[in-house]
């Protein structure tokens, strides 16, 4: 790719990011036990009022919104796995600590 093509691509990406908005985010998580049993949790979050095409999440907020929903879906999946007997309390506690720590890193990164 030439310098000129690279410059044009960067300009297009900047333009698209400035105009790109999202009104729905969906996150899914599967937790599997050692015996092969599994639990599936999926959450969808809408931003703004239903049918309101003008009220969308700006690009600069998409990562944070996705991380917030992802954290919740991960914790809920492990709660479901614990409640269903797929994992024990110690496995749940470890997973929850790991999830919270990793998402804290995502929330606080520059």
Protein backbone atom coordinates (compact mmCIF):
# COMPACT_ATOMS: atom_id res chain seq x y z
CA UNK A 1 0.00 0.00 0.00
CA UNK A 2 1.41 3.37 -0.99
CA UNK A 3 1.68 6.33 1.38
CA UNK A 4 -1.12 8.05 -0.53
CA UNK A 5 -3.41 5.02 -0.24
CA UNK A 6 -2.61 4.70 3.45
CA UNK A 7 -3.40 8.39 3.97
CA UNK A 8 -6.73 7.99 2.14
CA UNK A 9 -7.59 4.96 4.27
CA UNK A 10 -6.81 6.84 7.49
CA UNK A 11 -9.01 9.72 6.34
CA UNK A 12 -11.89 7.33 5.59
CA UNK A 13 -11.53 5.61 8.98
CA UNK A 14 -11.51 8.95 10.79
CA UNK A 15 -14.62 10.07 8.87
CA UNK A 16 -16.45 6.81 9.56
CA UNK A 17 -15.57 6.82 13.27
CA UNK A 18 -16.88 10.36 13.53
CA UNK A 19 -20.22 9.37 12.02
CA UNK A 20 -20.60 5.85 13.39
CA UNK A 21 -23.14 5.41 16.17
CA UNK A 22 -24.59 2.28 17.76
CA UNK A 23 -28.02 1.77 19.28
CA UNK A 24 -27.71 -1.88 20.37
CA UNK A 25 -24.96 -4.04 21.85
CA UNK A 26 -25.30 -7.81 22.34
CA UNK A 27 -22.90 -9.87 24.45
CA UNK A 28 -23.04 -13.65 24.96
CA UNK A 29 -21.14 -16.00 27.26
CA UNK A 30 -21.01 -19.78 27.58
CA UNK A 31 -19.62 -21.45 30.69
CA UNK A 32 -18.76 -25.15 30.28
CA UNK A 33 -18.13 -27.64 33.06
CA UNK A 34 -15.40 -30.28 32.89
CA UNK A 35 -18.09 -32.87 32.15
CA UNK A 36 -19.27 -30.93 29.10
CA UNK A 37 -22.41 -29.37 30.58
CA UNK A 38 -22.85 -25.73 29.74
CA UNK A 39 -24.84 -22.61 30.51
CA UNK A 40 -25.41 -19.85 27.97
CA UNK A 41 -26.25 -16.24 28.86
CA UNK A 42 -26.87 -13.47 26.35
CA UNK A 43 -27.76 -9.84 27.06
CA UNK A 44 -28.73 -7.08 24.67
CA UNK A 45 -28.67 -3.45 25.65
CA UNK A 46 -30.38 -0.71 23.70
CA UNK A 47 -29.36 2.88 23.91
CA UNK A 48 -32.13 5.44 23.72
CA UNK A 49 -35.82 4.88 23.11
CA UNK A 50 -37.01 2.03 20.91
CA UNK A 51 -37.52 3.23 17.37
CA UNK A 52 -35.60 6.46 18.01
CA UNK A 53 -33.04 6.41 15.23
CA UNK A 54 -31.58 9.77 16.29
CA UNK A 55 -30.55 8.63 19.79
CA UNK A 56 -27.47 6.45 19.33
CA UNK A 57 -24.35 5.75 21.34
CA UNK A 58 -21.37 7.74 20.01
CA UNK A 59 -18.30 5.81 18.92
CA UNK A 60 -16.16 7.05 21.82
CA UNK A 61 -18.60 5.43 24.32
CA UNK A 62 -18.98 2.06 22.58
CA UNK A 63 -15.99 0.38 24.24
CA UNK A 64 -17.04 1.36 27.74
CA UNK A 65 -20.66 0.33 27.14
CA UNK A 66 -19.52 -3.01 25.72
CA UNK A 67 -17.21 -3.61 28.68
CA UNK A 68 -20.00 -2.80 31.16
CA UNK A 69 -22.40 -5.23 29.51
CA UNK A 70 -19.67 -7.85 29.03
CA UNK A 71 -18.76 -7.77 32.72
CA UNK A 72 -22.37 -8.33 33.71
CA UNK A 73 -22.90 -11.16 31.23
CA UNK A 74 -19.74 -12.94 32.39
CA UNK A 75 -20.67 -12.73 36.07
CA UNK A 76 -24.27 -13.79 35.38
CA UNK A 77 -23.10 -16.81 33.37
CA UNK A 78 -20.98 -17.99 36.28
CA UNK A 79 -23.84 -17.36 38.72
CA UNK A 80 -26.07 -19.53 36.51
CA UNK A 81 -23.38 -22.21 36.32
CA UNK A 82 -23.05 -22.18 40.12
CA UNK A 83 -26.81 -22.32 40.65
CA UNK A 84 -27.09 -25.18 38.16
CA UNK A 85 -24.34 -27.19 39.84
CA UNK A 86 -21.95 -26.99 36.90
CA UNK A 87 -19.25 -25.36 39.04
CA UNK A 88 -18.62 -25.19 42.77
CA UNK A 89 -18.42 -22.12 45.01
CA UNK A 90 -14.62 -22.00 44.89
CA UNK A 91 -14.62 -22.03 41.07
CA UNK A 92 -17.25 -19.30 41.05
CA UNK A 93 -15.30 -17.14 43.51
CA UNK A 94 -12.12 -17.51 41.43
CA UNK A 95 -13.92 -16.71 38.19
CA UNK A 96 -15.66 -13.68 39.68
CA UNK A 97 -12.39 -12.31 41.07
CA UNK A 98 -10.68 -12.86 37.71
CA UNK A 99 -13.53 -11.24 35.76
CA UNK A 100 -13.76 -8.20 38.01
CA UNK A 101 -9.99 -7.70 37.94
CA UNK A 102 -9.75 -7.95 34.17
CA UNK A 103 -12.68 -5.62 33.57
CA UNK A 104 -11.25 -3.12 36.05
CA UNK A 105 -8.13 -3.07 33.88
CA UNK A 106 -10.27 -2.43 30.79
CA UNK A 107 -12.23 0.38 32.52
CA UNK A 108 -9.11 2.14 33.73
CA UNK A 109 -6.83 1.80 30.71
CA UNK A 110 -5.96 5.04 28.98
